[in-house]
Amino acid sequence: MENRHVDTELRLGRPGSGGGSAAAAAAEKWVKVSIQGAPYLRKVNLRAYRGYRELMAALFCFVRTFNWASQQWGMLVAYEDEAGHSMLAGDLPWDMFVDSCVKLLICKMRLP
């Protein structure tokens, strides 16, 4: 499995910012990532990952910077679809998730 550096996968930016060709834009799916307790958003290209495992690993590395991804805390990742419904990431097959996701929300949860 390829090792991805979080800073290259999660980036700060406005929706629609950046450039590139139409073909490159069609091969990308940028969504906002909201993190519980963080006053700002990030964006992530869902098509840069091959599945939930890779995405969750990158998100986990990112939340470590907030010092709550530890033995006492875990993370819960939810998403919002085009219709405004909130669901847990992992509930749909990967391709359907990528097509329908418009926003990710990372919440902390206390581990037993």
Protein backbone atom coordinates (compact mmCIF):
# COMPACT_ATOMS: atom_id res chain seq x y z
CA MET A 1 0.00 0.00 0.00
CA GLU A 2 1.27 3.43 -0.91
CA ASN A 3 2.17 5.72 2.00
CA ARG A 4 0.48 9.10 1.60
CA HIS A 5 1.56 12.27 3.35
CA VAL A 6 -1.42 13.95 4.99
CA ASP A 7 -0.39 17.49 4.09
CA THR A 8 -0.59 16.66 0.39
CA GLU A 9 -4.01 15.04 0.72
CA LEU A 10 -5.77 17.46 3.06
CA ARG A 11 -5.43 21.08 2.11
CA LEU A 12 -6.89 24.40 3.05
CA GLY A 13 -8.79 26.07 0.27
CA ARG A 14 -12.06 27.49 -0.98
CA PRO A 15 -14.46 25.28 -2.94
CA GLY A 16 -13.73 25.68 -6.62
CA SER A 17 -10.27 27.15 -6.02
CA GLY A 18 -7.35 25.84 -7.95
CA GLY A 19 -6.98 25.32 -11.64
CA GLY A 20 -6.25 22.58 -14.05
CA SER A 21 -7.88 21.00 -17.05
CA ALA A 22 -11.48 19.83 -17.27
CA ALA A 23 -10.32 16.21 -17.48
CA ALA A 24 -8.26 16.59 -14.30
CA ALA A 25 -11.20 18.26 -12.55
CA ALA A 26 -13.52 15.39 -13.53
CA ALA A 27 -11.06 12.92 -11.99
CA GLU A 28 -11.23 14.75 -8.66
CA LYS A 29 -13.91 14.98 -5.99
CA TRP A 30 -13.05 17.66 -3.43
CA VAL A 31 -15.24 17.84 -0.32
CA LYS A 32 -15.06 19.95 2.82
CA VAL A 33 -13.85 18.31 6.02
CA SER A 34 -15.18 19.79 9.26
CA ILE A 35 -13.45 18.77 12.48
CA GLN A 36 -15.20 18.99 15.85
CA GLY A 37 -13.64 21.79 17.86
CA ALA A 38 -11.67 23.26 14.95
CA PRO A 39 -12.58 26.78 13.81
CA TYR A 40 -11.71 26.06 10.16
CA LEU A 41 -12.31 23.57 7.38
CA ARG A 42 -10.06 21.52 5.14
CA LYS A 43 -10.72 19.95 1.77
CA VAL A 44 -9.93 16.43 0.68
CA ASN A 45 -9.96 14.81 -2.76
CA LEU A 46 -11.92 11.58 -2.23
CA ARG A 47 -10.81 10.19 -5.60
CA ALA A 48 -7.18 10.24 -4.38
CA TYR A 49 -8.02 7.21 -2.21
CA ARG A 50 -8.87 3.65 -3.17
CA GLY A 51 -11.24 3.03 -0.28
CA TYR A 52 -12.35 3.79 3.25
CA ARG A 53 -9.22 2.33 4.83
CA GLU A 54 -6.90 4.78 3.07
CA LEU A 55 -9.19 7.74 3.70
CA MET A 56 -9.61 6.95 7.39
CA ALA A 57 -5.85 6.51 7.84
CA ALA A 58 -5.22 9.96 6.33
CA LEU A 59 -7.96 11.56 8.43
CA PHE A 60 -6.63 9.90 11.59
CA CYS A 61 -3.14 11.25 10.92
CA PHE A 62 -4.64 14.69 10.45
CA VAL A 63 -6.68 14.71 13.68
CA ARG A 64 -3.62 13.68 15.67
CA THR A 65 -2.61 17.33 15.40
CA PHE A 66 -5.59 18.15 17.66
CA ASN A 67 -4.26 15.84 20.41
CA TRP A 68 -7.53 13.97 20.83
CA ALA A 69 -6.77 10.95 18.69
CA SER A 70 -5.24 9.01 21.55
CA GLN A 71 -5.97 5.94 23.63
CA GLN A 72 -8.88 7.69 25.37
CA TRP A 73 -10.42 9.18 22.23
CA GLY A 74 -11.35 7.76 18.87
CA MET A 75 -12.90 9.38 15.85
CA LEU A 76 -16.25 8.99 14.19
CA VAL A 77 -16.58 10.08 10.56
CA ALA A 78 -19.96 11.10 9.23
CA TYR A 79 -20.83 12.60 5.88
CA GLU A 80 -23.55 14.64 4.28
CA ASP A 81 -24.99 13.66 0.90
CA GLU A 82 -26.51 15.85 -1.84
CA ALA A 83 -29.95 15.65 -0.21
CA GLY A 84 -28.61 16.92 3.13
CA HIS A 85 -28.84 13.55 4.90
CA SER A 86 -26.16 12.70 7.44
CA MET A 87 -24.81 9.15 7.55
CA LEU A 88 -21.78 7.30 8.86
CA ALA A 89 -18.89 6.91 6.46
CA GLY A 90 -18.63 3.25 5.57
CA ASP A 91 -22.37 2.64 5.21
CA LEU A 92 -22.25 2.64 1.41
CA PRO A 93 -19.94 0.93 -1.08
CA TRP A 94 -16.92 3.19 -1.72
CA ASP A 95 -17.89 4.33 -5.25
CA MET A 96 -21.41 5.28 -4.17
CA PHE A 97 -20.00 7.15 -1.16
CA VAL A 98 -17.58 9.15 -3.33
CA ASP A 99 -20.36 10.06 -5.78
CA SER A 100 -22.83 11.16 -3.10
CA CYS A 101 -20.61 12.77 -0.42
CA VAL A 102 -20.57 16.57 -0.28
CA LYS A 103 -19.11 17.12 3.21
CA LEU A 104 -17.27 15.11 5.89
CA LEU A 105 -17.57 15.67 9.64
CA ILE A 106 -15.01 14.22 12.05
CA CYS A 107 -16.25 13.90 15.64
CA LYS A 108 -14.38 12.68 18.67
CA MET A 109 -15.81 9.88 20.75
CA ARG A 110 -14.76 8.57 24.13
CA LEU A 111 -13.47 5.02 23.99
CA PRO A 112 -14.58 2.54 26.69
